[in-house]
Amino acid sequence: MARRFSPQTIAVLAALAGRPQEWRYGYELGKDVDLRAGTLYPILMRLTNRGLLETTWEVDPPPGRPPRHLYRLSAAGASVASEAAALPLPRPIARPA
């Protein structure tokens, strides 16, 4: 793997790789990997810009809610995620108190 990814980015890739065919939305991913929006969404944007994620808008949002932006791994993203999974685990993500 040519690029080095942060532990947070690896966590996002792993979460998406756990359900590769399923479209996931940001809030759900943030809960899964314990990241706040200010960290998560820049990661999702970078991965999308690198061609590692596919994105779309929710087709039938629940009544009274706007459509959510959905994400899943592209073929290239799945390859990178499997390579990242083979690397030693990064240190746990620590949040300031």
PDB file of N, CA and C in Angstrom:
ATOM      1  N   MET A   1       0.867  -1.176   0.000  1.00  0.00           N
ATOM      2  CA  MET A   1       0.000   0.000   0.000  1.00  0.00           C
ATOM      3  C   MET A   1       0.905   1.228   0.000  1.00  0.00           C
ATOM      4  N   ALA A   2       0.769   2.081  -0.980  1.00  0.00           N
ATOM      5  CA  ALA A   2       1.632   3.238  -1.141  1.00  0.00           C
ATOM      6  C   ALA A   2       1.337   4.325  -0.114  1.00  0.00           C
ATOM      7  N   ARG A   3       0.089   4.478   0.277  1.00  0.00           N
ATOM      8  CA  ARG A   3      -0.288   5.555   1.195  1.00  0.00           C
ATOM      9  C   ARG A   3      -0.302   5.050   2.626  1.00  0.00           C
ATOM     10  N   ARG A   4      -0.011   5.959   3.531  1.00  0.00           N
ATOM     11  CA  ARG A   4      -0.161   5.658   4.951  1.00  0.00           C
ATOM     12  C   ARG A   4      -1.447   6.320   5.408  1.00  0.00           C
ATOM     13  N   PHE A   5      -2.230   5.584   6.147  1.00  0.00           N
ATOM     14  CA  PHE A   5      -3.501   6.095   6.629  1.00  0.00           C
ATOM     15  C   PHE A   5      -3.460   6.244   8.138  1.00  0.00           C
ATOM     16  N   SER A   6      -4.198   7.219   8.629  1.00  0.00           N
ATOM     17  CA  SER A   6      -4.309   7.427  10.072  1.00  0.00           C
ATOM     18  C   SER A   6      -5.107   6.281  10.684  1.00  0.00           C
ATOM     19  N   PRO A   7      -4.973   6.072  11.992  1.00  0.00           N
ATOM     20  CA  PRO A   7      -5.791   5.049  12.655  1.00  0.00           C
ATOM     21  C   PRO A   7      -7.286   5.295  12.457  1.00  0.00           C
ATOM     22  N   GLN A   8      -7.682   6.558  12.422  1.00  0.00           N
ATOM     23  CA  GLN A   8      -9.092   6.886  12.220  1.00  0.00           C
ATOM     24  C   GLN A   8      -9.558   6.466  10.828  1.00  0.00           C
ATOM     25  N   THR A   9      -8.729   6.726   9.820  1.00  0.00           N
ATOM     26  CA  THR A   9      -9.076   6.344   8.451  1.00  0.00           C
ATOM     27  C   THR A   9      -9.140   4.830   8.317  1.00  0.00           C
ATOM     28  N   ILE A  10      -8.203   4.132   8.936  1.00  0.00           N
ATOM     29  CA  ILE A  10      -8.221   2.669   8.906  1.00  0.00           C
ATOM     30  C   ILE A  10      -9.485   2.143   9.574  1.00  0.00           C
ATOM     31  N   ALA A  11      -9.908   2.779  10.665  1.00  0.00           N
ATOM     32  CA  ALA A  11     -11.138   2.361  11.346  1.00  0.00           C
ATOM     33  C   ALA A  11     -12.352   2.540  10.434  1.00  0.00           C
ATOM     34  N   VAL A  12     -12.399   3.642   9.692  1.00  0.00           N
ATOM     35  CA  VAL A  12     -13.512   3.882   8.762  1.00  0.00           C
ATOM     36  C   VAL A  12     -13.489   2.842   7.641  1.00  0.00           C
ATOM     37  N   LEU A  13     -12.318   2.578   7.079  1.00  0.00           N
ATOM     38  CA  LEU A  13     -12.205   1.557   6.031  1.00  0.00           C
ATOM     39  C   LEU A  13     -12.658   0.192   6.548  1.00  0.00           C
ATOM     40  N   ALA A  14     -12.241  -0.150   7.764  1.00  0.00           N
ATOM     41  CA  ALA A  14     -12.623  -1.443   8.342  1.00  0.00           C
ATOM     42  C   ALA A  14     -14.129  -1.527   8.564  1.00  0.00           C
ATOM     43  N   ALA A  15     -14.731  -0.440   9.035  1.00  0.00           N
ATOM     44  CA  ALA A  15     -16.182  -0.438   9.262  1.00  0.00           C
ATOM     45  C   ALA A  15     -16.933  -0.628   7.948  1.00  0.00           C
ATOM     46  N   LEU A  16     -16.479   0.033   6.905  1.00  0.00           N
ATOM     47  CA  LEU A  16     -17.122  -0.120   5.597  1.00  0.00           C
ATOM     48  C   LEU A  16     -16.867  -1.511   5.016  1.00  0.00           C
ATOM     49  N   ALA A  17     -15.681  -2.061   5.247  1.00  0.00           N
ATOM     50  CA  ALA A  17     -15.350  -3.392   4.731  1.00  0.00           C
ATOM     51  C   ALA A  17     -16.159  -4.480   5.431  1.00  0.00           C
ATOM     52  N   GLY A  18     -16.615  -4.207   6.642  1.00  0.00           N
ATOM     53  CA  GLY A  18     -17.410  -5.189   7.369  1.00  0.00           C
ATOM     54  C   GLY A  18     -18.749  -5.474   6.714  1.00  0.00           C
ATOM     55  N   ARG A  19     -19.260  -4.517   5.976  1.00  0.00           N
ATOM     56  CA  ARG A  19     -20.531  -4.680   5.242  1.00  0.00           C
ATOM     57  C   ARG A  19     -20.345  -4.049   3.864  1.00  0.00           C
ATOM     58  N   PRO A  20     -19.543  -4.682   2.994  1.00  0.00           N
ATOM     59  CA  PRO A  20     -19.078  -4.030   1.766  1.00  0.00           C
ATOM     60  C   PRO A  20     -20.148  -3.674   0.740  1.00  0.00           C
ATOM     61  N   GLN A  21     -21.230  -4.409   0.662  1.00  0.00           N
ATOM     62  CA  GLN A  21     -22.256  -4.115  -0.340  1.00  0.00           C
ATOM     63  C   GLN A  21     -23.332  -3.173   0.175  1.00  0.00           C
ATOM     64  N   GLU A  22     -23.262  -2.844   1.441  1.00  0.00           N
ATOM     65  CA  GLU A  22     -24.305  -2.031   2.069  1.00  0.00           C
ATOM     66  C   GLU A  22     -23.931  -0.550   2.032  1.00  0.00           C
ATOM     67  N   TRP A  23     -24.889   0.290   1.658  1.00  0.00           N
ATOM     68  CA  TRP A  23     -24.689   1.736   1.713  1.00  0.00           C
ATOM     69  C   TRP A  23     -24.799   2.158   3.172  1.00  0.00           C
ATOM     70  N   ARG A  24     -23.841   2.972   3.633  1.00  0.00           N
ATOM     71  CA  ARG A  24     -23.825   3.423   5.027  1.00  0.00           C
ATOM     72  C   ARG A  24     -23.855   4.946   5.045  1.00  0.00           C
ATOM     73  N   TYR A  25     -24.474   5.531   6.043  1.00  0.00           N
ATOM     74  CA  TYR A  25     -24.488   6.987   6.150  1.00  0.00           C
ATOM     75  C   TYR A  25     -23.540   7.427   7.259  1.00  0.00           C
ATOM     76  N   GLY A  26     -23.128   8.684   7.187  1.00  0.00           N
ATOM     77  CA  GLY A  26     -22.080   9.191   8.051  1.00  0.00           C
ATOM     78  C   GLY A  26     -22.355   9.053   9.534  1.00  0.00           C
ATOM     79  N   TYR A  27     -23.555   9.396   9.975  1.00  0.00           N
ATOM     80  CA  TYR A  27     -23.863   9.323  11.406  1.00  0.00           C
ATOM     81  C   TYR A  27     -23.678   7.899  11.925  1.00  0.00           C
ATOM     82  N   GLU A  28     -24.146   6.934  11.161  1.00  0.00           N
ATOM     83  CA  GLU A  28     -24.011   5.520  11.538  1.00  0.00           C
ATOM     84  C   GLU A  28     -22.534   5.122  11.616  1.00  0.00           C
ATOM     85  N   LEU A  29     -21.745   5.520  10.622  1.00  0.00           N
ATOM     86  CA  LEU A  29     -20.315   5.219  10.632  1.00  0.00           C
ATOM     87  C   LEU A  29     -19.624   5.865  11.822  1.00  0.00           C
ATOM     88  N   GLY A  30     -19.986   7.117  12.100  1.00  0.00           N
ATOM     89  CA  GLY A  30     -19.397   7.814  13.237  1.00  0.00           C
ATOM     90  C   GLY A  30     -19.647   7.084  14.541  1.00  0.00           C
ATOM     91  N   LYS A  31     -20.848   6.564  14.705  1.00  0.00           N
ATOM     92  CA  LYS A  31     -21.174   5.782  15.906  1.00  0.00           C
ATOM     93  C   LYS A  31     -20.347   4.498  15.953  1.00  0.00           C
ATOM     94  N   ASP A  32     -20.219   3.825  14.806  1.00  0.00           N
ATOM     95  CA  ASP A  32     -19.475   2.559  14.753  1.00  0.00           C
ATOM     96  C   ASP A  32     -18.003   2.729  15.107  1.00  0.00           C
ATOM     97  N   VAL A  33     -17.397   3.811  14.660  1.00  0.00           N
ATOM     98  CA  VAL A  33     -15.952   3.988  14.858  1.00  0.00           C
ATOM     99  C   VAL A  33     -15.622   5.033  15.920  1.00  0.00           C
ATOM    100  N   ASP A  34     -16.643   5.561  16.570  1.00  0.00           N
ATOM    101  CA  ASP A  34     -16.483   6.536  17.651  1.00  0.00           C
ATOM    102  C   ASP A  34     -15.716   7.779  17.193  1.00  0.00           C
ATOM    103  N   LEU A  35     -16.157   8.341  16.067  1.00  0.00           N
ATOM    104  CA  LEU A  35     -15.572   9.582  15.563  1.00  0.00           C
ATOM    105  C   LEU A  35     -16.658  10.637  15.454  1.00  0.00           C
ATOM    106  N   ARG A  36     -16.287  11.851  15.749  1.00  0.00           N
ATOM    107  CA  ARG A  36     -17.220  12.968  15.608  1.00  0.00           C
ATOM    108  C   ARG A  36     -17.222  13.459  14.165  1.00  0.00           C
ATOM    109  N   ALA A  37     -18.249  14.215  13.834  1.00  0.00           N
ATOM    110  CA  ALA A  37     -18.441  14.681  12.455  1.00  0.00           C
ATOM    111  C   ALA A  37     -17.234  15.453  11.929  1.00  0.00           C
ATOM    112  N   GLY A  38     -16.601  16.271  12.756  1.00  0.00           N
ATOM    113  CA  GLY A  38     -15.468  17.081  12.320  1.00  0.00           C
ATOM    114  C   GLY A  38     -14.252  16.268  11.920  1.00  0.00           C
ATOM    115  N   THR A  39     -14.172  15.035  12.386  1.00  0.00           N
ATOM    116  CA  THR A  39     -13.105  14.120  11.989  1.00  0.00           C
ATOM    117  C   THR A  39     -13.578  13.195  10.878  1.00  0.00           C
ATOM    118  N   LEU A  40     -14.788  12.678  11.019  1.00  0.00           N
ATOM    119  CA  LEU A  40     -15.302  11.674  10.089  1.00  0.00           C
ATOM    120  C   LEU A  40     -15.508  12.208   8.675  1.00  0.00           C
ATOM    121  N   TYR A  41     -16.206  13.330   8.534  1.00  0.00           N
ATOM    122  CA  TYR A  41     -16.564  13.787   7.188  1.00  0.00           C
ATOM    123  C   TYR A  41     -15.358  14.189   6.345  1.00  0.00           C
ATOM    124  N   PRO A  42     -14.316  14.805   6.901  1.00  0.00           N
ATOM    125  CA  PRO A  42     -13.119  15.022   6.072  1.00  0.00           C
ATOM    126  C   PRO A  42     -12.479  13.708   5.605  1.00  0.00           C
ATOM    127  N   ILE A  43     -12.512  12.674   6.456  1.00  0.00           N
ATOM    128  CA  ILE A  43     -11.991  11.365   6.046  1.00  0.00           C
ATOM    129  C   ILE A  43     -12.821  10.818   4.888  1.00  0.00           C
ATOM    130  N   LEU A  44     -14.140  10.881   5.018  1.00  0.00           N
ATOM    131  CA  LEU A  44     -15.011  10.384   3.947  1.00  0.00           C
ATOM    132  C   LEU A  44     -14.785  11.155   2.647  1.00  0.00           C
ATOM    133  N   MET A  45     -14.595  12.461   2.745  1.00  0.00           N
ATOM    134  CA  MET A  45     -14.344  13.269   1.540  1.00  0.00           C
ATOM    135  C   MET A  45     -13.011  12.887   0.894  1.00  0.00           C
ATOM    136  N   ARG A  46     -11.963  12.700   1.703  1.00  0.00           N
ATOM    137  CA  ARG A  46     -10.659  12.314   1.141  1.00  0.00           C
ATOM    138  C   ARG A  46     -10.734  10.942   0.470  1.00  0.00           C
ATOM    139  N   LEU A  47     -11.388   9.992   1.133  1.00  0.00           N
ATOM    140  CA  LEU A  47     -11.508   8.654   0.552  1.00  0.00           C
ATOM    141  C   LEU A  47     -12.310   8.688  -0.745  1.00  0.00           C
ATOM    142  N   THR A  48     -13.344   9.516  -0.782  1.00  0.00           N
ATOM    143  CA  THR A  48     -14.143   9.667  -2.003  1.00  0.00           C
ATOM    144  C   THR A  48     -13.298  10.288  -3.113  1.00  0.00           C
ATOM    145  N   ASN A  49     -12.557  11.344  -2.795  1.00  0.00           N
ATOM    146  CA  ASN A  49     -11.718  12.016  -3.793  1.00  0.00           C
ATOM    147  C   ASN A  49     -10.635  11.098  -4.350  1.00  0.00           C
ATOM    148  N   ARG A  50     -10.183  10.131  -3.549  1.00  0.00           N
ATOM    149  CA  ARG A  50      -9.163   9.175  -4.002  1.00  0.00           C
ATOM    150  C   ARG A  50      -9.771   7.989  -4.752  1.00  0.00           C
ATOM    151  N   GLY A  51     -11.098   7.977  -4.885  1.00  0.00           N
ATOM    152  CA  GLY A  51     -11.755   6.898  -5.606  1.00  0.00           C
ATOM    153  C   GLY A  51     -11.945   5.632  -4.790  1.00  0.00           C
ATOM    154  N   LEU A  52     -11.809   5.732  -3.470  1.00  0.00           N
ATOM    155  CA  LEU A  52     -11.936   4.556  -2.616  1.00  0.00           C
ATOM    156  C   LEU A  52     -13.359   4.335  -2.121  1.00  0.00           C
ATOM    157  N   LEU A  53     -14.205   5.353  -2.264  1.00  0.00           N
ATOM    158  CA  LEU A  53     -15.607   5.237  -1.862  1.00  0.00           C
ATOM    159  C   LEU A  53     -16.509   5.610  -3.024  1.00  0.00           C
ATOM    160  N   GLU A  54     -17.669   4.966  -3.064  1.00  0.00           N
ATOM    161  CA  GLU A  54     -18.764   5.369  -3.943  1.00  0.00           C
ATOM    162  C   GLU A  54     -19.750   6.125  -3.066  1.00  0.00           C
ATOM    163  N   THR A  55     -20.414   7.121  -3.628  1.00  0.00           N
ATOM    164  CA  THR A  55     -21.388   7.889  -2.858  1.00  0.00           C
ATOM    165  C   THR A  55     -22.684   8.040  -3.643  1.00  0.00           C
ATOM    166  N   THR A  56     -23.758   8.205  -2.915  1.00  0.00           N
ATOM    167  CA  THR A  56     -25.061   8.468  -3.510  1.00  0.00           C
ATOM    168  C   THR A  56     -25.919   9.146  -2.449  1.00  0.00           C
ATOM    169  N   TRP A  57     -27.073   9.625  -2.868  1.00  0.00           N
ATOM    170  CA  TRP A  57     -28.034  10.196  -1.928  1.00  0.00           C
ATOM    171  C   TRP A  57     -29.124   9.175  -1.654  1.00  0.00           C
ATOM    172  N   GLU A  58     -29.626   9.163  -0.453  1.00  0.00           N
ATOM    173  CA  GLU A  58     -30.728   8.287  -0.058  1.00  0.00           C
ATOM    174  C   GLU A  58     -31.937   8.550  -0.955  1.00  0.00           C
ATOM    175  N   VAL A  59     -32.547   7.490  -1.466  1.00  0.00           N
ATOM    176  CA  VAL A  59     -33.661   7.622  -2.402  1.00  0.00           C
ATOM    177  C   VAL A  59     -34.977   7.884  -1.677  1.00  0.00           C
ATOM    178  N   ASP A  60     -35.283   7.119  -0.670  1.00  0.00           N
ATOM    179  CA  ASP A  60     -36.545   7.263   0.064  1.00  0.00           C
ATOM    180  C   ASP A  60     -36.270   7.578   1.527  1.00  0.00           C
ATOM    181  N   PRO A  61     -35.976   8.828   1.850  1.00  0.00           N
ATOM    182  CA  PRO A  61     -35.705   9.156   3.257  1.00  0.00           C
ATOM    183  C   PRO A  61     -36.975   9.012   4.094  1.00  0.00           C
ATOM    184  N   PRO A  62     -36.808   8.792   5.396  1.00  0.00           N
ATOM    185  CA  PRO A  62     -37.984   8.745   6.267  1.00  0.00           C
ATOM    186  C   PRO A  62     -38.754  10.062   6.172  1.00  0.00           C
ATOM    187  N   PRO A  63     -40.068  10.016   6.352  1.00  0.00           N
ATOM    188  CA  PRO A  63     -40.871  11.247   6.276  1.00  0.00           C
ATOM    189  C   PRO A  63     -40.348  12.324   7.232  1.00  0.00           C
ATOM    190  N   GLY A  64     -40.283  13.540   6.717  1.00  0.00           N
ATOM    191  CA  GLY A  64     -39.837  14.665   7.535  1.00  0.00           C
ATOM    192  C   GLY A  64     -38.337  14.801   7.663  1.00  0.00           C
ATOM    193  N   ARG A  65     -37.574  13.956   6.981  1.00  0.00           N
ATOM    194  CA  ARG A  65     -36.113  14.035   7.052  1.00  0.00           C
ATOM    195  C   ARG A  65     -35.544  14.291   5.660  1.00  0.00           C
ATOM    196  N   PRO A  66     -34.472  15.055   5.584  1.00  0.00           N
ATOM    197  CA  PRO A  66     -33.830  15.244   4.275  1.00  0.00           C
ATOM    198  C   PRO A  66     -33.073  13.972   3.879  1.00  0.00           C
ATOM    199  N   PRO A  67     -32.797  13.784   2.594  1.00  0.00           N
ATOM    200  CA  PRO A  67     -32.017  12.614   2.168  1.00  0.00           C
ATOM    201  C   PRO A  67     -30.609  12.661   2.766  1.00  0.00           C
ATOM    202  N   ARG A  68     -30.095  11.491   3.108  1.00  0.00           N
ATOM    203  CA  ARG A  68     -28.741  11.394   3.661  1.00  0.00           C
ATOM    204  C   ARG A  68     -27.772  11.001   2.549  1.00  0.00           C
ATOM    205  N   HIS A  69     -26.529  11.416   2.727  1.00  0.00           N
ATOM    206  CA  HIS A  69     -25.464  11.040   1.813  1.00  0.00           C
ATOM    207  C   HIS A  69     -24.983   9.659   2.246  1.00  0.00           C
ATOM    208  N   LEU A  70     -24.914   8.721   1.313  1.00  0.00           N
ATOM    209  CA  LEU A  70     -24.557   7.340   1.621  1.00  0.00           C
ATOM    210  C   LEU A  70     -23.201   6.993   1.017  1.00  0.00           C
ATOM    211  N   TYR A  71     -22.491   6.077   1.675  1.00  0.00           N
ATOM    212  CA  TYR A  71     -21.136   5.702   1.277  1.00  0.00           C
ATOM    213  C   TYR A  71     -20.991   4.185   1.279  1.00  0.00           C
ATOM    214  N   ARG A  72     -20.139   3.678   0.382  1.00  0.00           N
ATOM    215  CA  ARG A  72     -19.681   2.291   0.439  1.00  0.00           C
ATOM    216  C   ARG A  72     -18.343   2.220  -0.287  1.00  0.00           C
ATOM    217  N   LEU A  73     -17.606   1.146  -0.041  1.00  0.00           N
ATOM    218  CA  LEU A  73     -16.302   0.992  -0.666  1.00  0.00           C
ATOM    219  C   LEU A  73     -16.440   0.739  -2.159  1.00  0.00           C
ATOM    220  N   SER A  74     -15.566   1.356  -2.941  1.00  0.00           N
ATOM    221  CA  SER A  74     -15.443   1.019  -4.359  1.00  0.00           C
ATOM    222  C   SER A  74     -14.571  -0.238  -4.441  1.00  0.00           C
ATOM    223  N   ALA A  75     -14.376  -0.769  -5.631  1.00  0.00           N
ATOM    224  CA  ALA A  75     -13.495  -1.933  -5.794  1.00  0.00           C
ATOM    225  C   ALA A  75     -12.082  -1.593  -5.318  1.00  0.00           C
ATOM    226  N   ALA A  76     -11.608  -0.402  -5.683  1.00  0.00           N
ATOM    227  CA  ALA A  76     -10.277   0.022  -5.233  1.00  0.00           C
ATOM    228  C   ALA A  76     -10.249   0.178  -3.717  1.00  0.00           C
ATOM    229  N   GLY A  77     -11.325   0.702  -3.149  1.00  0.00           N
ATOM    230  CA  GLY A  77     -11.409   0.870  -1.701  1.00  0.00           C
ATOM    231  C   GLY A  77     -11.413  -0.454  -0.969  1.00  0.00           C
ATOM    232  N   ALA A  78     -12.093  -1.452  -1.526  1.00  0.00           N
ATOM    233  CA  ALA A  78     -12.110  -2.781  -0.911  1.00  0.00           C
ATOM    234  C   ALA A  78     -10.709  -3.379  -0.900  1.00  0.00           C
ATOM    235  N   SER A  79      -9.960  -3.161  -1.979  1.00  0.00           N
ATOM    236  CA  SER A  79      -8.587  -3.650  -2.053  1.00  0.00           C
ATOM    237  C   SER A  79      -7.708  -2.970  -1.006  1.00  0.00           C
ATOM    238  N   VAL A  80      -7.829  -1.650  -0.908  1.00  0.00           N
ATOM    239  CA  VAL A  80      -7.047  -0.900   0.081  1.00  0.00           C
ATOM    240  C   VAL A  80      -7.449  -1.306   1.497  1.00  0.00           C
ATOM    241  N   ALA A  81      -8.743  -1.507   1.733  1.00  0.00           N
ATOM    242  CA  ALA A  81      -9.213  -1.902   3.064  1.00  0.00           C
ATOM    243  C   ALA A  81      -8.657  -3.264   3.453  1.00  0.00           C
ATOM    244  N   SER A  82      -8.586  -4.199   2.510  1.00  0.00           N
ATOM    245  CA  SER A  82      -8.039  -5.519   2.840  1.00  0.00           C
ATOM    246  C   SER A  82      -6.540  -5.434   3.107  1.00  0.00           C
ATOM    247  N   GLU A  83      -5.833  -4.573   2.371  1.00  0.00           N
ATOM    248  CA  GLU A  83      -4.410  -4.361   2.641  1.00  0.00           C
ATOM    249  C   GLU A  83      -4.217  -3.732   4.012  1.00  0.00           C
ATOM    250  N   ALA A  84      -5.044  -2.755   4.345  1.00  0.00           N
ATOM    251  CA  ALA A  84      -4.937  -2.084   5.645  1.00  0.00           C
ATOM    252  C   ALA A  84      -5.244  -3.051   6.779  1.00  0.00           C
ATOM    253  N   ALA A  85      -6.175  -3.978   6.558  1.00  0.00           N
ATOM    254  CA  ALA A  85      -6.536  -4.949   7.591  1.00  0.00           C
ATOM    255  C   ALA A  85      -5.378  -5.898   7.887  1.00  0.00           C
ATOM    256  N   ALA A  86      -4.491  -6.098   6.915  1.00  0.00           N
ATOM    257  CA  ALA A  86      -3.358  -6.995   7.103  1.00  0.00           C
ATOM    258  C   ALA A  86      -2.219  -6.339   7.880  1.00  0.00           C
ATOM    259  N   LEU A  87      -2.264  -5.030   8.025  1.00  0.00           N
ATOM    260  CA  LEU A  87      -1.218  -4.314   8.757  1.00  0.00           C
ATOM    261  C   LEU A  87      -1.415  -4.486  10.256  1.00  0.00           C
ATOM    262  N   PRO A  88      -0.350  -4.286  11.049  1.00  0.00           N
ATOM    263  CA  PRO A  88      -0.516  -4.327  12.505  1.00  0.00           C
ATOM    264  C   PRO A  88      -1.527  -3.270  12.939  1.00  0.00           C
ATOM    265  N   LEU A  89      -2.288  -3.604  13.963  1.00  0.00           N
ATOM    266  CA  LEU A  89      -3.301  -2.669  14.448  1.00  0.00           C
ATOM    267  C   LEU A  89      -2.658  -1.405  14.991  1.00  0.00           C
ATOM    268  N   PRO A  90      -3.204  -0.247  14.635  1.00  0.00           N
ATOM    269  CA  PRO A  90      -2.689   1.005  15.201  1.00  0.00           C
ATOM    270  C   PRO A  90      -3.085   1.113  16.667  1.00  0.00           C
ATOM    271  N   ARG A  91      -2.404   2.007  17.358  1.00  0.00           N
ATOM    272  CA  ARG A  91      -2.772   2.249  18.756  1.00  0.00           C
ATOM    273  C   ARG A  91      -4.203   2.739  18.824  1.00  0.00           C
ATOM    274  N   PRO A  92      -4.898   2.429  19.914  1.00  0.00           N
ATOM    275  CA  PRO A  92      -6.287   2.900  20.042  1.00  0.00           C
ATOM    276  C   PRO A  92      -6.373   4.412  19.941  1.00  0.00           C
ATOM    277  N   ILE A  93      -7.491   4.862  19.433  1.00  0.00           N
ATOM    278  CA  ILE A  93      -7.748   6.289  19.305  1.00  0.00           C
ATOM    279  C   ILE A  93      -8.105   6.829  20.683  1.00  0.00           C
ATOM    280  N   ALA A  94      -7.349   7.808  21.140  1.00  0.00           N
ATOM    281  CA  ALA A  94      -7.623   8.397  22.452  1.00  0.00           C
ATOM    282  C   ALA A  94      -8.248   9.766  22.266  1.00  0.00           C
ATOM    283  N   ARG A  95      -9.273  10.008  23.021  1.00  0.00           N
ATOM    284  CA  ARG A  95      -9.926  11.320  23.005  1.00  0.00           C
ATOM    285  C   ARG A  95      -9.508  12.089  24.240  1.00  0.00           C
ATOM    286  N   PRO A  96      -9.276  13.382  24.076  1.00  0.00           N
ATOM    287  CA  PRO A  96      -8.979  14.188  25.261  1.00  0.00           C
ATOM    288  C   PRO A  96     -10.190  14.210  26.190  1.00  0.00           C
ATOM    289  N   ALA A  97      -9.901  14.292  27.454  1.00  0.00           N
ATOM    290  CA  ALA A  97     -10.988  14.296  28.454  1.00  0.00           C
ATOM    291  C   ALA A  97     -11.749  15.585  28.459  1.00  0.00           C
TER     292      ALA A  97
END
